[in-house]
Each structure stands twice: as C-alpha cells, then as structure tokens.
C-alpha cells in the first residue's frame, strides 16, 4: 500500500463489513469494486478517474462536463430597479439596508 499509494482502481473481496470499512477508510483510490472486478467501468453513469499519482479528477458523462468546465456565478439585476440606497455614501442608508437584508 505504501509502495503504490493512490491506485486508480481498488478491488476488495470480503464478506466482513468491518474489514471492508477498514480498507475503504485506509486506501485513497479513484474507483473500486467490492466482491467484483471492472464492473464499475460498464456503468457510463459512474465517473472514472483517480487521485494523486493515478490522475486528478473524474471523467465520463456529467463528470466530464464538470471537470472541463469552470462554474461561475452571475447575479443580474434588472435596470428598472436601481435604488440609490445601494450606492455609497452609506451614512444615512445603513439602517435601511439592514432592514431590507
């Protein structure tokens, strides 16, 4: 484990829940299967990718879109609503702003 940290995939065969939880909490990996192999690749809805040396991020489907996109927030205010209270100086406006917000 220490010799090959962060595997791209992780396969574990066990029926012991404590053993399963122990391994899953100790090993950082991209994708994995418990009591199976490679089946996670067959599901196009699951992201595929690694962590650390095995690759950063995930791709396929919506995950690809998220990895190769940059989210941004835009707040748009209509031009017809432009009260002077939102502009400085705020000297006499602060109490009104607190009531509104």
N, C-alpha and C. Protein backbone atom coordinates (compact mmCIF):
# COMPACT_ATOMS: atom_id res chain seq x y z
N UNK A 1 0.82 -1.18 0.00
CA UNK A 1 0.00 0.00 0.00
C UNK A 1 0.88 1.25 0.00
N UNK A 2 1.86 1.31 0.87
CA UNK A 2 2.73 2.49 0.94
C UNK A 2 3.62 2.58 -0.30
N UNK A 3 3.93 1.45 -0.89
CA UNK A 3 4.79 1.42 -2.07
C UNK A 3 4.06 1.95 -3.31
N UNK A 4 2.75 1.71 -3.37
CA UNK A 4 1.95 2.16 -4.51
C UNK A 4 0.70 2.88 -3.99
N UNK A 5 0.88 4.12 -3.53
CA UNK A 5 -0.27 4.85 -2.99
C UNK A 5 -1.24 5.29 -4.08
N UNK A 6 -2.46 5.51 -3.71
CA UNK A 6 -3.50 6.07 -4.59
C UNK A 6 -3.71 5.27 -5.88
N UNK A 7 -4.10 4.01 -5.78
CA UNK A 7 -4.34 3.25 -7.01
C UNK A 7 -5.52 3.83 -7.79
N UNK A 8 -5.47 3.65 -9.10
CA UNK A 8 -6.55 4.12 -9.95
C UNK A 8 -7.84 3.36 -9.61
N UNK A 9 -7.72 2.05 -9.42
CA UNK A 9 -8.86 1.24 -9.04
C UNK A 9 -8.51 0.40 -7.82
N UNK A 10 -9.55 -0.02 -7.11
CA UNK A 10 -9.35 -0.81 -5.90
C UNK A 10 -10.40 -1.91 -5.87
N UNK A 11 -9.96 -3.15 -5.76
CA UNK A 11 -10.86 -4.29 -5.71
C UNK A 11 -10.67 -5.01 -4.39
N UNK A 12 -11.77 -5.27 -3.72
CA UNK A 12 -11.72 -5.94 -2.43
C UNK A 12 -12.72 -7.08 -2.43
N UNK A 13 -12.27 -8.23 -1.98
CA UNK A 13 -13.14 -9.40 -1.86
C UNK A 13 -13.23 -9.77 -0.40
N UNK A 14 -14.40 -9.53 0.18
CA UNK A 14 -14.62 -9.84 1.58
C UNK A 14 -16.11 -9.86 1.87
N UNK A 15 -16.49 -10.64 2.87
CA UNK A 15 -17.88 -10.59 3.34
C UNK A 15 -17.94 -9.97 4.73
N UNK A 16 -16.78 -9.55 5.22
CA UNK A 16 -16.67 -8.95 6.55
C UNK A 16 -16.82 -7.43 6.43
N UNK A 17 -17.91 -6.89 6.94
CA UNK A 17 -18.19 -5.46 6.84
C UNK A 17 -17.13 -4.61 7.53
N UNK A 18 -16.62 -5.08 8.66
CA UNK A 18 -15.58 -4.34 9.39
C UNK A 18 -14.30 -4.28 8.56
N UNK A 19 -13.95 -5.38 7.94
CA UNK A 19 -12.78 -5.44 7.06
C UNK A 19 -12.97 -4.49 5.87
N UNK A 20 -14.15 -4.52 5.28
CA UNK A 20 -14.48 -3.65 4.14
C UNK A 20 -14.33 -2.18 4.53
N UNK A 21 -14.96 -1.78 5.62
CA UNK A 21 -14.88 -0.39 6.07
C UNK A 21 -13.46 0.02 6.42
N UNK A 22 -12.70 -0.91 6.98
CA UNK A 22 -11.31 -0.62 7.31
C UNK A 22 -10.49 -0.30 6.08
N UNK A 23 -10.60 -1.14 5.06
CA UNK A 23 -9.86 -0.91 3.82
C UNK A 23 -10.32 0.37 3.12
N UNK A 24 -11.63 0.59 3.07
CA UNK A 24 -12.14 1.77 2.38
C UNK A 24 -11.73 3.06 3.07
N UNK A 25 -11.53 3.02 4.37
CA UNK A 25 -11.10 4.22 5.08
C UNK A 25 -9.58 4.43 5.02
N UNK A 26 -8.82 3.38 4.74
CA UNK A 26 -7.35 3.48 4.72
C UNK A 26 -6.79 3.80 3.34
N UNK A 27 -7.45 3.35 2.29
CA UNK A 27 -6.89 3.47 0.93
C UNK A 27 -7.61 4.57 0.16
N UNK A 28 -6.84 5.49 -0.40
CA UNK A 28 -7.38 6.53 -1.26
C UNK A 28 -7.24 6.05 -2.70
N UNK A 29 -8.37 5.92 -3.39
CA UNK A 29 -8.34 5.37 -4.76
C UNK A 29 -9.36 6.09 -5.62
N UNK A 30 -9.26 5.89 -6.92
CA UNK A 30 -10.19 6.52 -7.86
C UNK A 30 -11.55 5.85 -7.84
N UNK A 31 -11.63 4.62 -8.31
CA UNK A 31 -12.86 3.85 -8.36
C UNK A 31 -12.59 2.47 -7.79
N UNK A 32 -13.65 1.75 -7.49
CA UNK A 32 -13.43 0.42 -6.96
C UNK A 32 -14.65 -0.45 -7.01
N UNK A 33 -14.43 -1.70 -6.68
CA UNK A 33 -15.50 -2.69 -6.60
C UNK A 33 -15.26 -3.54 -5.37
N UNK A 34 -16.35 -3.98 -4.78
CA UNK A 34 -16.27 -4.92 -3.67
C UNK A 34 -16.92 -6.21 -4.14
N UNK A 35 -16.16 -7.28 -4.05
CA UNK A 35 -16.58 -8.61 -4.50
C UNK A 35 -16.91 -8.65 -5.99
N UNK A 36 -16.18 -7.87 -6.77
CA UNK A 36 -16.36 -7.82 -8.21
C UNK A 36 -15.13 -7.16 -8.81
N UNK A 37 -15.00 -7.25 -10.12
CA UNK A 37 -13.90 -6.55 -10.79
C UNK A 37 -14.39 -5.86 -12.05
N UNK A 38 -13.91 -4.71 -12.31
CA UNK A 38 -14.08 -3.94 -13.53
C UNK A 38 -15.54 -3.56 -13.84
N UNK A 39 -16.49 -3.97 -13.05
CA UNK A 39 -17.89 -3.68 -13.35
C UNK A 39 -18.21 -2.19 -13.28
N UNK A 40 -17.46 -1.45 -12.51
CA UNK A 40 -17.71 -0.01 -12.43
C UNK A 40 -17.47 0.67 -13.77
N UNK A 41 -16.63 0.08 -14.62
CA UNK A 41 -16.37 0.65 -15.95
C UNK A 41 -17.55 0.47 -16.89
N UNK A 42 -18.37 -0.53 -16.63
CA UNK A 42 -19.50 -0.83 -17.51
C UNK A 42 -20.65 0.15 -17.34
N UNK A 43 -20.66 0.89 -16.25
CA UNK A 43 -21.75 1.83 -15.99
C UNK A 43 -21.33 3.22 -16.43
N UNK A 44 -21.90 3.73 -17.53
CA UNK A 44 -21.49 5.04 -18.03
C UNK A 44 -21.92 6.19 -17.13
N UNK A 45 -22.79 5.94 -16.17
CA UNK A 45 -23.24 6.99 -15.25
C UNK A 45 -22.24 7.24 -14.13
N UNK A 46 -21.33 6.30 -13.90
CA UNK A 46 -20.34 6.47 -12.85
C UNK A 46 -19.12 7.20 -13.40
N UNK A 47 -18.60 8.15 -12.66
CA UNK A 47 -17.38 8.85 -13.12
C UNK A 47 -16.18 7.92 -13.02
N UNK A 48 -15.18 8.17 -13.84
CA UNK A 48 -13.96 7.38 -13.79
C UNK A 48 -12.79 8.33 -13.68
N UNK A 49 -11.91 8.06 -12.77
CA UNK A 49 -10.73 8.91 -12.60
C UNK A 49 -10.02 8.54 -11.33
N UNK A 50 -8.86 9.11 -11.14
CA UNK A 50 -8.05 8.75 -10.00
C UNK A 50 -7.77 9.92 -9.09
N UNK A 51 -6.95 9.63 -8.09
CA UNK A 51 -6.50 10.65 -7.16
C UNK A 51 -4.98 10.57 -7.09
N UNK A 52 -4.35 11.68 -6.74
CA UNK A 52 -2.89 11.69 -6.59
C UNK A 52 -2.18 11.31 -7.88
N UNK A 53 -1.24 10.37 -7.77
CA UNK A 53 -0.41 9.98 -8.91
C UNK A 53 -1.20 9.29 -10.02
N UNK A 54 -2.33 8.71 -9.68
CA UNK A 54 -3.09 7.99 -10.71
C UNK A 54 -4.04 8.91 -11.48
N UNK A 55 -3.97 10.18 -11.25
CA UNK A 55 -4.77 11.13 -12.01
C UNK A 55 -5.67 11.93 -11.11
N UNK A 56 -5.87 13.15 -11.49
CA UNK A 56 -6.71 14.03 -10.68
C UNK A 56 -8.01 14.27 -11.44
N UNK A 57 -9.12 14.12 -10.76
CA UNK A 57 -10.41 14.39 -11.37
C UNK A 57 -11.11 13.14 -11.81
N UNK A 58 -12.21 13.34 -12.48
CA UNK A 58 -13.02 12.25 -12.97
C UNK A 58 -13.58 12.66 -14.32
N UNK A 59 -13.88 11.67 -15.14
CA UNK A 59 -14.46 11.98 -16.44
C UNK A 59 -15.49 10.93 -16.79
N UNK A 60 -16.25 11.19 -17.79
CA UNK A 60 -17.36 10.42 -18.35
C UNK A 60 -18.67 11.09 -17.97
N UNK A 61 -19.52 11.28 -18.94
CA UNK A 61 -20.83 11.85 -18.69
C UNK A 61 -20.78 13.23 -18.07
N UNK A 62 -21.62 13.45 -17.08
CA UNK A 62 -21.71 14.74 -16.42
C UNK A 62 -20.40 15.11 -15.74
N UNK A 63 -19.66 14.11 -15.25
CA UNK A 63 -18.37 14.39 -14.60
C UNK A 63 -17.39 15.03 -15.57
N UNK A 64 -17.40 14.58 -16.84
CA UNK A 64 -16.53 15.20 -17.85
C UNK A 64 -16.86 16.66 -18.02
N UNK A 65 -18.14 16.94 -18.09
CA UNK A 65 -18.56 18.33 -18.25
C UNK A 65 -18.08 19.17 -17.08
N UNK A 66 -18.21 18.65 -15.86
CA UNK A 66 -17.79 19.40 -14.68
C UNK A 66 -16.27 19.58 -14.62
N UNK A 67 -15.52 18.55 -15.01
CA UNK A 67 -14.06 18.62 -14.96
C UNK A 67 -13.54 19.66 -15.94
N UNK A 68 -14.11 19.68 -17.14
CA UNK A 68 -13.59 20.56 -18.18
C UNK A 68 -14.35 21.88 -18.28
N UNK A 69 -15.13 22.20 -17.27
CA UNK A 69 -15.87 23.45 -17.23
C UNK A 69 -15.50 24.22 -15.97
N UNK A 70 -15.69 25.49 -16.02
CA UNK A 70 -15.49 26.32 -14.85
C UNK A 70 -16.84 26.92 -14.49
N UNK A 71 -17.30 26.59 -13.29
CA UNK A 71 -18.57 27.16 -12.86
C UNK A 71 -18.35 28.61 -12.47
N UNK A 72 -19.34 29.41 -12.75
CA UNK A 72 -19.26 30.80 -12.33
C UNK A 72 -20.67 31.28 -11.97
N UNK A 73 -20.71 32.19 -11.06
CA UNK A 73 -21.98 32.74 -10.63
C UNK A 73 -22.16 34.12 -11.23
N UNK A 74 -23.35 34.40 -11.66
CA UNK A 74 -23.67 35.71 -12.21
C UNK A 74 -24.96 36.19 -11.55
N UNK A 75 -24.89 37.36 -10.97
CA UNK A 75 -26.07 37.97 -10.38
C UNK A 75 -26.51 39.08 -11.31
N UNK A 76 -27.74 39.01 -11.74
CA UNK A 76 -28.25 40.02 -12.67
C UNK A 76 -29.40 40.77 -12.02
N UNK A 77 -29.31 42.08 -12.05
CA UNK A 77 -30.34 42.93 -11.50
C UNK A 77 -30.98 43.69 -12.65
N UNK A 78 -32.29 43.74 -12.68
CA UNK A 78 -32.93 44.49 -13.78
C UNK A 78 -32.59 45.97 -13.71
N UNK A 79 -32.51 46.59 -14.86
CA UNK A 79 -32.13 48.01 -14.90
C UNK A 79 -33.24 48.92 -14.38
N UNK A 80 -34.47 48.46 -14.42
CA UNK A 80 -35.56 49.30 -13.94
C UNK A 80 -35.56 49.42 -12.41
N UNK A 81 -34.86 48.51 -11.72
CA UNK A 81 -34.79 48.56 -10.26
C UNK A 81 -33.38 48.96 -9.86
N UNK A 82 -33.18 50.25 -9.66
CA UNK A 82 -31.85 50.76 -9.34
C UNK A 82 -31.94 51.81 -8.23
N UNK A 83 -32.28 51.36 -7.02
CA UNK A 83 -32.43 52.34 -5.93
C UNK A 83 -31.09 52.92 -5.51
N UNK A 84 -31.11 54.19 -5.17
CA UNK A 84 -29.88 54.87 -4.77
C UNK A 84 -29.33 54.35 -3.44
N UNK A 85 -30.15 53.63 -2.69
CA UNK A 85 -29.71 53.10 -1.39
C UNK A 85 -28.54 52.11 -1.53
N UNK A 86 -28.40 51.52 -2.69
CA UNK A 86 -27.31 50.53 -2.85
C UNK A 86 -25.96 51.15 -3.21
N UNK A 87 -25.92 52.46 -3.38
CA UNK A 87 -24.67 53.14 -3.73
C UNK A 87 -24.16 53.97 -2.56
N UNK A 88 -22.83 54.08 -2.42
CA UNK A 88 -22.27 54.95 -1.37
C UNK A 88 -22.55 56.41 -1.70
N UNK A 89 -22.47 57.27 -0.74
CA UNK A 89 -22.14 57.04 0.67
C UNK A 89 -23.33 56.41 1.41
N UNK A 90 -22.99 55.56 2.38
CA UNK A 90 -23.99 54.80 3.11
C UNK A 90 -24.35 55.44 4.45
N UNK A 91 -23.87 56.61 4.71
CA UNK A 91 -24.01 57.26 6.01
C UNK A 91 -25.42 57.15 6.59
N UNK A 92 -26.43 57.58 5.89
CA UNK A 92 -27.81 57.55 6.41
C UNK A 92 -28.61 56.36 5.85
N UNK A 93 -27.97 55.51 5.10
CA UNK A 93 -28.67 54.41 4.44
C UNK A 93 -28.51 53.07 5.15
N UNK A 94 -27.54 52.98 6.04
CA UNK A 94 -27.20 51.70 6.65
C UNK A 94 -28.37 51.04 7.37
N UNK A 95 -29.14 51.80 8.12
CA UNK A 95 -30.26 51.22 8.86
C UNK A 95 -31.32 50.67 7.90
N UNK A 96 -31.51 51.35 6.76
CA UNK A 96 -32.47 50.86 5.76
C UNK A 96 -31.98 49.59 5.08
N UNK A 97 -30.69 49.56 4.79
CA UNK A 97 -30.12 48.36 4.18
C UNK A 97 -30.25 47.16 5.11
N UNK A 98 -30.02 47.36 6.39
CA UNK A 98 -30.15 46.27 7.38
C UNK A 98 -31.59 45.76 7.44
N UNK A 99 -32.55 46.65 7.34
CA UNK A 99 -33.96 46.24 7.35
C UNK A 99 -34.33 45.45 6.10
N UNK A 100 -33.81 45.88 4.99
CA UNK A 100 -34.11 45.22 3.70
C UNK A 100 -33.46 43.84 3.66
N UNK A 101 -32.21 43.76 4.08
CA UNK A 101 -31.48 42.49 4.01
C UNK A 101 -31.80 41.64 5.21
